[in-house]
C-alpha atoms as a PDB file:
ATOM      1  CA  MET A   1     114.082 195.632  94.682  1.00  0.00           C
ATOM      2  CA  LYS A   2     116.664 193.621  92.761  1.00  0.00           C
ATOM      3  CA  ASN A   3     117.158 191.386  95.926  1.00  0.00           C
ATOM      4  CA  PHE A   4     113.440 190.837  96.212  1.00  0.00           C
ATOM      5  CA  LYS A   5     113.247 189.656  92.706  1.00  0.00           C
ATOM      6  CA  GLY A   6     116.253 187.386  93.168  1.00  0.00           C
ATOM      7  CA  ILE A   7     114.698 185.858  96.167  1.00  0.00           C
ATOM      8  CA  THR A   8     111.441 185.334  94.306  1.00  0.00           C
ATOM      9  CA  LEU A   9     113.004 183.828  91.419  1.00  0.00           C
ATOM     10  CA  GLY A  10     115.068 181.385  93.745  1.00  0.00           C
ATOM     11  CA  LEU A  11     111.781 180.374  95.556  1.00  0.00           C
ATOM     12  CA  VAL A  12     110.067 179.713  92.233  1.00  0.00           C
ATOM     13  CA  LEU A  13     113.104 177.587  90.813  1.00  0.00           C
ATOM     14  CA  GLY A  14     113.095 175.595  94.106  1.00  0.00           C
ATOM     15  CA  VAL A  15     109.333 174.935  94.065  1.00  0.00           C
ATOM     16  CA  VAL A  16     109.587 173.926  90.321  1.00  0.00           C
ATOM     17  CA  PHE A  17     112.499 171.611  91.254  1.00  0.00           C
ATOM     18  CA  LEU A  18     110.622 170.008  94.163  1.00  0.00           C
ATOM     19  CA  ILE A  19     107.479 169.474  92.031  1.00  0.00           C
ATOM     20  CA  ALA A  20     109.566 168.021  89.250  1.00  0.00           C
ATOM     21  CA  LEU A  21     111.462 165.688  91.743  1.00  0.00           C
ATOM     22  CA  ASP A  22     107.990 164.669  93.253  1.00  0.00           C
ATOM     23  CA  GLY A  23     106.626 164.086  89.809  1.00  0.00           C
ATOM     24  CA  THR A  24     109.308 161.469  88.810  1.00  0.00           C
ATOM     25  CA  TYR A  25     110.089 157.993  90.318  1.00  0.00           C
ATOM     26  CA  ILE A  26     112.132 155.062  89.401  1.00  0.00           C
ATOM     27  CA  VAL A  27     110.835 151.380  89.217  1.00  0.00           C
ATOM     28  CA  ASP A  28     113.338 148.736  89.987  1.00  0.00           C
ATOM     29  CA  GLU A  29     113.351 145.358  88.234  1.00  0.00           C
ATOM     30  CA  THR A  30     112.295 143.668  91.501  1.00  0.00           C
ATOM     31  CA  GLU A  31     109.362 146.089  92.108  1.00  0.00           C
ATOM     32  CA  GLN A  32     105.912 146.890  90.751  1.00  0.00           C
ATOM     33  CA  VAL A  33     104.053 150.029  91.465  1.00  0.00           C
ATOM     34  CA  ILE A  34     100.418 151.177  92.117  1.00  0.00           C
ATOM     35  CA  ILE A  35      99.645 155.015  91.665  1.00  0.00           C
ATOM     36  CA  THR A  36      97.156 156.535  94.051  1.00  0.00           C
ATOM     37  CA  GLN A  37      95.449 159.922  94.052  1.00  0.00           C
ATOM     38  CA  PHE A  38      94.103 160.920  97.340  1.00  0.00           C
ATOM     39  CA  GLY A  39      94.367 157.337  98.609  1.00  0.00           C
ATOM     40  CA  ASP A  40      92.540 155.625  95.714  1.00  0.00           C
ATOM     41  CA  PRO A  41      94.368 153.699  93.008  1.00  0.00           C
ATOM     42  CA  VAL A  42      94.728 155.257  89.523  1.00  0.00           C
ATOM     43  CA  GLY A  43      95.214 153.342  86.424  1.00  0.00           C
ATOM     44  CA  ASP A  44      96.742 149.826  86.114  1.00  0.00           C
ATOM     45  CA  ALA A  45      99.812 148.383  87.895  1.00  0.00           C
ATOM     46  CA  ILE A  46     103.161 149.599  86.615  1.00  0.00           C
ATOM     47  CA  THR A  47     105.450 146.508  86.248  1.00  0.00           C
ATOM     48  CA  GLU A  48     108.122 147.650  83.676  1.00  0.00           C
ATOM     49  CA  PRO A  49     111.392 149.021  85.214  1.00  0.00           C
ATOM     50  CA  GLY A  50     112.591 152.464  84.416  1.00  0.00           C
ATOM     51  CA  MET A  51     111.961 156.199  85.202  1.00  0.00           C
ATOM     52  CA  LYS A  52     108.160 157.130  85.438  1.00  0.00           C
ATOM     53  CA  PHE A  53     106.140 160.141  85.963  1.00  0.00           C
ATOM     54  CA  LYS A  54     103.134 161.031  87.972  1.00  0.00           C
ATOM     55  CA  VAL A  55     101.279 164.148  89.068  1.00  0.00           C
ATOM     56  CA  PRO A  56     103.272 165.856  91.648  1.00  0.00           C
ATOM     57  CA  LEU A  57     101.913 166.489  95.223  1.00  0.00           C
ATOM     58  CA  ILE A  58      98.655 164.920  94.169  1.00  0.00           C
ATOM     59  CA  GLN A  59      99.716 161.348  93.186  1.00  0.00           C
ATOM     60  CA  ARG A  60     101.768 158.903  95.224  1.00  0.00           C
ATOM     61  CA  ALA A  61     103.720 155.844  94.107  1.00  0.00           C
ATOM     62  CA  ASN A  62     103.166 152.710  96.158  1.00  0.00           C
ATOM     63  CA  PHE A  63     105.976 150.043  95.692  1.00  0.00           C
ATOM     64  CA  PHE A  64     105.426 146.303  96.009  1.00  0.00           C
ATOM     65  CA  ASP A  65     107.812 143.480  95.639  1.00  0.00           C
ATOM     66  CA  LYS A  66     107.784 141.130  92.574  1.00  0.00           C
ATOM     67  CA  ARG A  67     109.937 138.434  94.103  1.00  0.00           C
ATOM     68  CA  TYR A  68     108.959 135.428  96.215  1.00  0.00           C
ATOM     69  CA  LEU A  69     108.041 136.412  99.810  1.00  0.00           C
ATOM     70  CA  GLU A  70     108.387 134.448 102.969  1.00  0.00           C
ATOM     71  CA  TRP A  71     105.707 133.443 105.433  1.00  0.00           C
ATOM     72  CA  ASP A  72     106.871 131.741 108.698  1.00  0.00           C
ATOM     73  CA  GLY A  73     103.966 130.525 110.743  1.00  0.00           C
ATOM     74  CA  ASP A  74     103.572 130.279 114.494  1.00  0.00           C
ATOM     75  CA  ARG A  75     104.228 127.025 116.478  1.00  0.00           C
ATOM     76  CA  ASN A  76     100.661 125.912 117.233  1.00  0.00           C
ATOM     77  CA  GLN A  77      99.295 122.959 119.174  1.00  0.00           C
ATOM     78  CA  VAL A  78      96.931 121.008 117.177  1.00  0.00           C
ATOM     79  CA  PRO A  79      94.951 117.685 117.837  1.00  0.00           C
ATOM     80  CA  THR A  80      94.950 115.020 115.277  1.00  0.00           C
ATOM     81  CA  LYS A  81      91.947 112.816 114.407  1.00  0.00           C
ATOM     82  CA  ASP A  82      93.237 110.016 116.660  1.00  0.00           C
ATOM     83  CA  LYS A  83      93.464 112.540 119.671  1.00  0.00           C
ATOM     84  CA  LYS A  84      97.290 113.051 119.587  1.00  0.00           C
ATOM     85  CA  PHE A  85      98.251 116.543 120.523  1.00  0.00           C
ATOM     86  CA  ILE A  86     101.169 117.774 118.584  1.00  0.00           C
ATOM     87  CA  PHE A  87     103.025 121.047 117.831  1.00  0.00           C
ATOM     88  CA  VAL A  88     103.015 122.002 114.279  1.00  0.00           C
ATOM     89  CA  ASP A  89     105.472 124.479 112.792  1.00  0.00           C
ATOM     90  CA  THR A  90     104.926 125.588 109.187  1.00  0.00           C
ATOM     91  CA  TYR A  91     106.244 127.898 106.495  1.00  0.00           C
ATOM     92  CA  ALA A  92     105.311 129.090 102.941  1.00  0.00           C
ATOM     93  CA  ARG A  93     106.504 131.116 100.017  1.00  0.00           C
ATOM     94  CA  TRP A  94     103.963 133.487  98.325  1.00  0.00           C
ATOM     95  CA  GLN A  95     104.019 136.122  95.584  1.00  0.00           C
ATOM     96  CA  ILE A  96     102.004 139.191  94.602  1.00  0.00           C
ATOM     97  CA  THR A  97     100.450 138.420  91.284  1.00  0.00           C
ATOM     98  CA  ASP A  98      97.882 141.272  91.034  1.00  0.00           C
ATOM     99  CA  PRO A  99      99.305 144.448  92.619  1.00  0.00           C
ATOM    100  CA  LEU A 100      96.069 146.453  92.164  1.00  0.00           C
ATOM    101  CA  GLN A 101      93.881 143.823  93.866  1.00  0.00           C
ATOM    102  CA  PHE A 102      96.607 143.413  96.503  1.00  0.00           C
ATOM    103  CA  PHE A 103      96.423 147.189  97.188  1.00  0.00           C
ATOM    104  CA  LYS A 104      92.740 147.201  97.289  1.00  0.00           C
ATOM    105  CA  ARG A 105      92.382 144.258  99.714  1.00  0.00           C
ATOM    106  CA  LEU A 106      95.496 144.213 101.817  1.00  0.00           C
ATOM    107  CA  ARG A 107      97.309 147.578 101.400  1.00  0.00           C
ATOM    108  CA  ASP A 108     100.739 146.342 102.276  1.00  0.00           C
ATOM    109  CA  GLU A 109     102.904 143.227 103.130  1.00  0.00           C
ATOM    110  CA  ARG A 110     102.046 143.476 106.738  1.00  0.00           C
ATOM    111  CA  GLY A 111      98.303 143.159 105.930  1.00  0.00           C
ATOM    112  CA  ALA A 112      99.079 140.219 103.744  1.00  0.00           C
ATOM    113  CA  GLN A 113     101.049 138.432 106.415  1.00  0.00           C
ATOM    114  CA  SER A 114      98.326 138.963 108.897  1.00  0.00           C
ATOM    115  CA  ARG A 115      95.775 137.367 106.367  1.00  0.00           C
ATOM    116  CA  LEU A 116      98.021 134.564 105.429  1.00  0.00           C
ATOM    117  CA  ASP A 117      98.216 133.828 109.212  1.00  0.00           C
ATOM    118  CA  ASP A 118      94.498 133.372 109.382  1.00  0.00           C
ATOM    119  CA  ILE A 119      94.315 131.421 106.103  1.00  0.00           C
ATOM    120  CA  LEU A 120      97.227 129.050 106.443  1.00  0.00           C
ATOM    121  CA  ASP A 121      96.867 128.334 110.169  1.00  0.00           C
ATOM    122  CA  GLY A 122      93.324 127.727 109.800  1.00  0.00           C
ATOM    123  CA  GLU A 123      93.793 125.268 106.868  1.00  0.00           C
ATOM    124  CA  THR A 124      96.523 123.590 108.762  1.00  0.00           C
ATOM    125  CA  ARG A 125      94.343 122.985 111.755  1.00  0.00           C
ATOM    126  CA  ASN A 126      91.521 121.617 109.603  1.00  0.00           C
ATOM    127  CA  ALA A 127      93.754 119.230 107.627  1.00  0.00           C
ATOM    128  CA  ILE A 128      95.556 117.830 110.810  1.00  0.00           C
ATOM    129  CA  ALA A 129      92.310 117.490 112.814  1.00  0.00           C
ATOM    130  CA  SER A 130      90.920 115.306 109.900  1.00  0.00           C
ATOM    131  CA  GLN A 131      93.894 113.010 109.748  1.00  0.00           C
ATOM    132  CA  ASP A 132      95.640 110.529 111.996  1.00  0.00           C
ATOM    133  CA  LEU A 133      99.074 111.373 113.204  1.00  0.00           C
ATOM    134  CA  VAL A 134     100.585 108.507 111.080  1.00  0.00           C
ATOM    135  CA  GLU A 135      99.285 110.375 108.007  1.00  0.00           C
ATOM    136  CA  VAL A 136     100.855 113.624 109.082  1.00  0.00           C
ATOM    137  CA  VAL A 137     104.213 112.320 109.842  1.00  0.00           C
ATOM    138  CA  ARG A 138     104.847 109.677 106.912  1.00  0.00           C
ATOM    139  CA  SER A 139     104.951 110.313 103.256  1.00  0.00           C
ATOM    140  CA  THR A 140     104.912 106.834 101.694  1.00  0.00           C
ATOM    141  CA  ASN A 141     104.450 103.227 102.747  1.00  0.00           C
ATOM    142  CA  ARG A 142     107.708 101.149 102.890  1.00  0.00           C
ATOM    143  CA  ASP A 143     107.945  98.406 100.296  1.00  0.00           C
ATOM    144  CA  PRO A 144     109.166  95.034 101.808  1.00  0.00           C
ATOM    145  CA  ILE A 145     112.399  93.595 100.388  1.00  0.00           C
ATOM    146  CA  SER A 146     112.223  89.900  99.496  1.00  0.00           C
ATOM    147  CA  GLY A 147     114.058  87.769 102.091  1.00  0.00           C
ATOM    148  CA  ALA A 148     114.963  90.746 104.324  1.00  0.00           C
ATOM    149  CA  THR A 149     113.904  89.714 107.949  1.00  0.00           C
ATOM    150  CA  ILE A 150     114.540  93.159 109.248  1.00  0.00           C
ATOM    151  CA  THR A 151     112.235  94.831 106.743  1.00  0.00           C
ATOM    152  CA  GLU A 152     109.450  92.215 107.434  1.00  0.00           C
ATOM    153  CA  VAL A 153     109.621  93.069 111.148  1.00  0.00           C
ATOM    154  CA  VAL A 154     109.626  96.770 110.644  1.00  0.00           C
ATOM    155  CA  GLU A 155     106.704  96.400 108.279  1.00  0.00           C
ATOM    156  CA  ASP A 156     104.724  94.508 110.833  1.00  0.00           C
ATOM    157  CA  SER A 157     105.116  97.522 113.268  1.00  0.00           C
ATOM    158  CA  LEU A 158     104.009 100.157 110.868  1.00  0.00           C
ATOM    159  CA  ALA A 159     100.537 100.811 109.537  1.00  0.00           C
ATOM    160  CA  ASP A 160      99.896 101.584 105.990  1.00  0.00           C
ATOM    161  CA  ILE A 161      98.956 105.243 105.188  1.00  0.00           C
ATOM    162  CA  ALA A 162      96.337 106.340 102.770  1.00  0.00           C
ATOM    163  CA  VAL A 163      97.157 110.115 102.392  1.00  0.00           C
ATOM    164  CA  GLY A 164     100.570 110.894 103.649  1.00  0.00           C
ATOM    165  CA  ARG A 165     102.387 114.183 104.608  1.00  0.00           C
ATOM    166  CA  ASP A 166     103.111 115.328 101.002  1.00  0.00           C
ATOM    167  CA  SER A 167      99.441 115.147  99.929  1.00  0.00           C
ATOM    168  CA  ILE A 168      98.218 116.884 103.067  1.00  0.00           C
ATOM    169  CA  GLN A 169     100.696 119.784 102.578  1.00  0.00           C
ATOM    170  CA  THR A 170      99.520 119.978  98.779  1.00  0.00           C
ATOM    171  CA  ASN A 171      95.899 120.055  99.899  1.00  0.00           C
ATOM    172  CA  ILE A 172      96.453 122.783 102.420  1.00  0.00           C
ATOM    173  CA  GLN A 173      98.248 124.911  99.728  1.00  0.00           C
ATOM    174  CA  GLN A 174      95.360 124.339  97.184  1.00  0.00           C
ATOM    175  CA  LEU A 175      92.657 125.272  99.682  1.00  0.00           C
ATOM    176  CA  ALA A 176      94.529 128.400 100.818  1.00  0.00           C
ATOM    177  CA  ASN A 177      94.901 129.532  97.297  1.00  0.00           C
ATOM    178  CA  GLU A 178      91.229 129.143  96.795  1.00  0.00           C
ATOM    179  CA  ARG A 179      90.581 131.419  99.778  1.00  0.00           C
ATOM    180  CA  ALA A 180      93.249 133.943  98.536  1.00  0.00           C
ATOM    181  CA  THR A 181      92.039 134.215  94.895  1.00  0.00           C
ATOM    182  CA  ASP A 182      90.684 137.724  95.580  1.00  0.00           C
ATOM    183  CA  LEU A 183      93.636 138.974  97.495  1.00  0.00           C
ATOM    184  CA  GLY A 184      95.984 139.422  94.473  1.00  0.00           C
ATOM    185  CA  ILE A 185      98.486 136.856  95.769  1.00  0.00           C
ATOM    186  CA  GLU A 186      99.383 133.324  95.157  1.00  0.00           C
ATOM    187  CA  ILE A 187     100.821 130.766  97.634  1.00  0.00           C
ATOM    188  CA  LEU A 188     103.524 128.945  95.736  1.00  0.00           C
ATOM    189  CA  ASP A 189     104.750 126.508  98.349  1.00  0.00           C
ATOM    190  CA  PHE A 190     103.590 125.209 101.783  1.00  0.00           C
ATOM    191  CA  ARG A 191     105.546 122.825 104.058  1.00  0.00           C
ATOM    192  CA  PHE A 192     105.589 121.452 107.504  1.00  0.00           C
ATOM    193  CA  LYS A 193     108.898 122.711 109.034  1.00  0.00           C
ATOM    194  CA  ARG A 194     108.493 120.656 112.228  1.00  0.00           C
ATOM    195  CA  ILE A 195     106.156 118.357 113.917  1.00  0.00           C
ATOM    196  CA  ASN A 196     106.572 117.189 117.409  1.00  0.00           C
ATOM    197  CA  TYR A 197     104.514 115.869 120.399  1.00  0.00           C
ATOM    198  CA  VAL A 198     103.484 117.992 123.231  1.00  0.00           C
ATOM    199  CA  GLU A 199     105.861 117.519 126.402  1.00  0.00           C
ATOM    200  CA  GLU A 200     103.097 115.646 128.346  1.00  0.00           C
ATOM    201  CA  VAL A 201     103.103 112.757 125.932  1.00  0.00           C
ATOM    202  CA  ARG A 202     106.581 112.732 124.491  1.00  0.00           C
ATOM    203  CA  GLN A 203     108.058 110.501 127.132  1.00  0.00           C
ATOM    204  CA  THR A 204     105.280 108.057 126.689  1.00  0.00           C
ATOM    205  CA  VAL A 205     105.892 107.880 122.972  1.00  0.00           C
ATOM    206  CA  TYR A 206     109.675 107.458 123.637  1.00  0.00           C
ATOM    207  CA  ASP A 207     109.031 104.489 125.940  1.00  0.00           C
ATOM    208  CA  ARG A 208     106.754 102.941 123.352  1.00  0.00           C
ATOM    209  CA  MET A 209     109.344 103.374 120.682  1.00  0.00           C
ATOM    210  CA  ILE A 210     112.030 101.659 122.931  1.00  0.00           C
ATOM    211  CA  SER A 211     109.585  98.909 123.660  1.00  0.00           C
ATOM    212  CA  GLU A 212     109.031  98.312 120.063  1.00  0.00           C
ATOM    213  CA  ARG A 213     112.764  98.375 119.252  1.00  0.00           C
ATOM    214  CA  ASN A 214     113.352  95.935 121.976  1.00  0.00           C
ATOM    215  CA  ARG A 215     110.665  93.714 120.649  1.00  0.00           C
ATOM    216  CA  ILE A 216     112.332  93.672 117.211  1.00  0.00           C
ATOM    217  CA  ALA A 217     115.681  92.928 118.916  1.00  0.00           C
ATOM    218  CA  ASP A 218     114.266  90.113 120.822  1.00  0.00           C
ATOM    219  CA  LYS A 219     112.817  88.731 117.431  1.00  0.00           C
ATOM    220  CA  PHE A 220     116.164  88.992 115.824  1.00  0.00           C
ATOM    221  CA  ARG A 221     117.831  87.550 118.776  1.00  0.00           C
ATOM    222  CA  SER A 222     115.479  84.527 118.758  1.00  0.00           C
ATOM    223  CA  GLU A 223     115.932  83.921 115.017  1.00  0.00           C
ATOM    224  CA  GLY A 224     119.759  84.108 115.483  1.00  0.00           C
ATOM    225  CA  GLN A 225     119.624  81.389 118.198  1.00  0.00           C
ATOM    226  CA  GLY A 226     117.494  79.265 116.217  1.00  0.00           C
ATOM    227  CA  GLU A 227     119.789  79.488 113.220  1.00  0.00           C
ATOM    228  CA  ALA A 228     122.772  78.791 115.442  1.00  0.00           C
ATOM    229  CA  ALA A 229     121.243  75.684 116.899  1.00  0.00           C
ATOM    230  CA  ARG A 230     120.418  74.494 113.362  1.00  0.00           C
ATOM    231  CA  ILE A 231     123.964  75.143 112.159  1.00  0.00           C
ATOM    232  CA  ASN A 232     125.311  73.285 115.262  1.00  0.00           C
ATOM    233  CA  GLY A 233     122.895  70.457 114.731  1.00  0.00           C
ATOM    234  CA  GLU A 234     124.212  70.020 111.067  1.00  0.00           C
ATOM    235  CA  LYS A 235     127.782  70.317 112.271  1.00  0.00           C
ATOM    236  CA  GLU A 236     127.367  67.488 114.805  1.00  0.00           C
ATOM    237  CA  ARG A 237     125.615  65.344 112.275  1.00  0.00           C
ATOM    238  CA  GLU A 238     128.300  65.817 109.644  1.00  0.00           C
ATOM    239  CA  LEU A 239     131.022  65.238 112.229  1.00  0.00           C
ATOM    240  CA  GLN A 240     129.379  61.974 113.451  1.00  0.00           C
ATOM    241  CA  SER A 241     129.099  60.799 109.749  1.00  0.00           C
ATOM    242  CA  ILE A 242     132.757  61.659 109.023  1.00  0.00           C
ATOM    243  CA  GLN A 243     133.871  59.982 112.158  1.00  0.00           C
ATOM    244  CA  SER A 244     131.710  56.810 111.511  1.00  0.00           C
ATOM    245  CA  ASN A 245     133.009  56.612 107.849  1.00  0.00           C
ATOM    246  CA  ALA A 246     136.607  57.022 109.097  1.00  0.00           C
ATOM    247  CA  PHE A 247     136.264  54.427 111.663  1.00  0.00           C
ATOM    248  CA  ARG A 248     134.687  51.981 109.236  1.00  0.00           C
ATOM    249  CA  LYS A 249     137.374  52.577 106.784  1.00  0.00           C
ATOM    250  CA  ALA A 250     140.032  52.093 109.428  1.00  0.00           C
ATOM    251  CA  GLU A 251     138.482  48.794 110.560  1.00  0.00           C
ATOM    252  CA  GLU A 252     138.442  47.733 106.983  1.00  0.00           C
ATOM    253  CA  ILE A 253     142.097  48.471 106.418  1.00  0.00           C
ATOM    254  CA  ARG A 254     143.043  46.918 109.806  1.00  0.00           C
ATOM    255  CA  GLY A 255     140.998  43.851 108.894  1.00  0.00           C
ATOM    256  CA  GLU A 256     142.693  43.551 105.574  1.00  0.00           C
ATOM    257  CA  ALA A 257     146.209  44.005 107.135  1.00  0.00           C
ATOM    258  CA  ASP A 258     145.488  41.287 109.724  1.00  0.00           C
ATOM    259  CA  ALA A 259     144.193  38.956 107.139  1.00  0.00           C
ATOM    260  CA  ARG A 260     147.280  39.508 104.916  1.00  0.00           C
ATOM    261  CA  ALA A 261     149.578  39.046 107.967  1.00  0.00           C
ATOM    262  CA  THR A 262     147.809  35.795 109.064  1.00  0.00           C
ATOM    263  CA  ALA A 263     148.062  34.581 105.478  1.00  0.00           C
ATOM    264  CA  ILE A 264     151.853  35.354 105.411  1.00  0.00           C
ATOM    265  CA  TYR A 265     152.361  33.666 108.778  1.00  0.00           C
ATOM    266  CA  ALA A 266     150.438  30.590 107.728  1.00  0.00           C
ATOM    267  CA  GLU A 267     152.293  30.352 104.477  1.00  0.00           C
ATOM    268  CA  SER A 268     155.541  30.741 106.315  1.00  0.00           C
ATOM    269  CA  TYR A 269     154.630  28.113 108.932  1.00  0.00           C
ATOM    270  CA  ASN A 270     153.774  25.617 106.251  1.00  0.00           C
ATOM    271  CA  GLN A 271     157.227  25.766 104.701  1.00  0.00           C
ATOM    272  CA  SER A 272     160.131  23.487 105.593  1.00  0.00           C
ATOM    273  CA  GLN A 273     161.135  22.688 109.017  1.00  0.00           C
ATOM    274  CA  SER A 274     163.969  25.270 109.023  1.00  0.00           C
ATOM    275  CA  ALA A 275     161.633  27.965 107.919  1.00  0.00           C
ATOM    276  CA  ARG A 276     159.286  27.024 110.777  1.00  0.00           C
ATOM    277  CA  GLU A 277     162.104  27.221 113.247  1.00  0.00           C
ATOM    278  CA  LEU A 278     163.211  30.482 111.783  1.00  0.00           C
ATOM    279  CA  TYR A 279     159.672  31.742 112.132  1.00  0.00           C
ATOM    280  CA  ASN A 280     159.316  30.592 115.670  1.00  0.00           C
ATOM    281  CA  PHE A 281     162.695  32.164 116.496  1.00  0.00           C
ATOM    282  CA  THR A 282     161.737  35.396 114.880  1.00  0.00           C
ATOM    283  CA  ARG A 283     158.433  35.611 116.738  1.00  0.00           C
ATOM    284  CA  THR A 284     159.962  34.694 119.997  1.00  0.00           C
ATOM    285  CA  MET A 285     162.700  37.591 119.560  1.00  0.00           C
ATOM    286  CA  GLU A 286     160.018  39.911 118.807  1.00  0.00           C
ATOM    287  CA  SER A 287     158.160  38.934 121.995  1.00  0.00           C
ATOM    288  CA  TYR A 288     161.472  39.345 123.959  1.00  0.00           C
ATOM    289  CA  GLY A 289     161.659  42.889 122.672  1.00  0.00           C
ATOM    290  CA  LYS A 290     158.264  43.694 123.720  1.00  0.00           C
ATOM    291  CA  VAL A 291     158.295  42.111 127.171  1.00  0.00           C
ATOM    292  CA  PHE A 292     161.844  42.941 128.448  1.00  0.00           C
ATOM    293  CA  ASP A 293     163.560  46.213 129.166  1.00  0.00           C
ATOM    294  CA  GLU A 294     166.460  47.254 131.090  1.00  0.00           C
ATOM    295  CA  GLN A 295     164.358  47.241 134.450  1.00  0.00           C
ATOM    296  CA  THR A 296     162.485  43.992 133.733  1.00  0.00           C
ATOM    297  CA  SER A 297     163.045  40.926 136.050  1.00  0.00           C
ATOM    298  CA  ILE A 298     161.318  37.661 135.239  1.00  0.00           C
ATOM    299  CA  ILE A 299     161.466  34.183 136.625  1.00  0.00           C
ATOM    300  CA  LEU A 300     161.042  31.219 134.307  1.00  0.00           C
ATOM    301  CA  SER A 301     161.356  27.451 134.597  1.00  0.00           C
ATOM    302  CA  THR A 302     163.984  25.641 132.611  1.00  0.00           C
ATOM    303  CA  ASN A 303     161.414  23.822 130.569  1.00  0.00           C
ATOM    304  CA  SER A 304     159.286  27.023 129.659  1.00  0.00           C
ATOM    305  CA  GLU A 305     158.636  27.452 125.987  1.00  0.00           C
ATOM    306  CA  PHE A 306     159.383  31.125 126.473  1.00  0.00           C
ATOM    307  CA  TYR A 307     162.879  30.284 127.850  1.00  0.00           C
ATOM    308  CA  LYS A 308     163.671  27.598 125.116  1.00  0.00           C
ATOM    309  CA  PHE A 309     165.815  29.770 122.812  1.00  0.00           C
ATOM    310  CA  LEU A 310     167.648  31.346 125.761  1.00  0.00           C
ATOM    311  CA  ASN A 311     168.484  27.832 127.155  1.00  0.00           C
ATOM    312  CA  ASP A 312     169.739  26.867 123.610  1.00  0.00           C
ATOM    313  CA  ILE A 313     172.037  29.761 123.523  1.00  0.00           C
ATOM    314  CA  GLN A 314     173.607  28.935 126.951  1.00  0.00           C
ATOM    315  CA  ASN A 315     174.136  25.289 125.729  1.00  0.00           C
END
């Protein structure tokens, strides 16, 4: 009898302990809780951290994350407005803002991820299909730099954009949030992770890019050759001018020197007889030094003017 009472007391205490254990739960700072009774939500969402209580065995605590959650889209092939087929890979960040509504509409994060796939993928397709490729891949127009030839050439090859990638991403995020207002979630950020051509047209695009770069290189090369020709022309003109001025100056100096020498010779010649003879002798000796060397042979008559001073020395 005593053993039966002991066993009964132990069972009662165990049941009480299990009931008490099931009737309490702890809410972490990163969590929020919805209490359900027979599958239906009861009361408001519990967002404050700490130990909480519920009716054991009847009620259940459903935990949801407060933090920012990740959505990573699938890589989809999408056509643009100008009929360019591209692969678009996207991602987003979202948050549960109304746990009660979230539980009613989506139940859990798996349901939310599936619903976000429909919303974000659909809005992405609609946005890209309504824009040209250049609007999707570029964010801003390039501002030309004054006097920069390379910028002018590149600007000529790029069309201006009216919308741009950033505006398209923002518009997708806004439209997706409008569709998710009754889901208890908010899409905080949306971005294109990667945009690429399909394999069939990628090589064609690369060839066009190479051709465009070659065109720009040819333009630079042509401009460089023209500038080199201009510099060489200026160099030749300046060189001819310098040489002409130098030749003219040299001729002026030479003329002045010849005039002075002639004047000195004339003045010397007009001096006395002895001075004229000295002048004649000096000029003749200078001519000897210019005409004769150790290997020179010359035949002169005895009455030659050139031989006169040599003949006088022999006499």
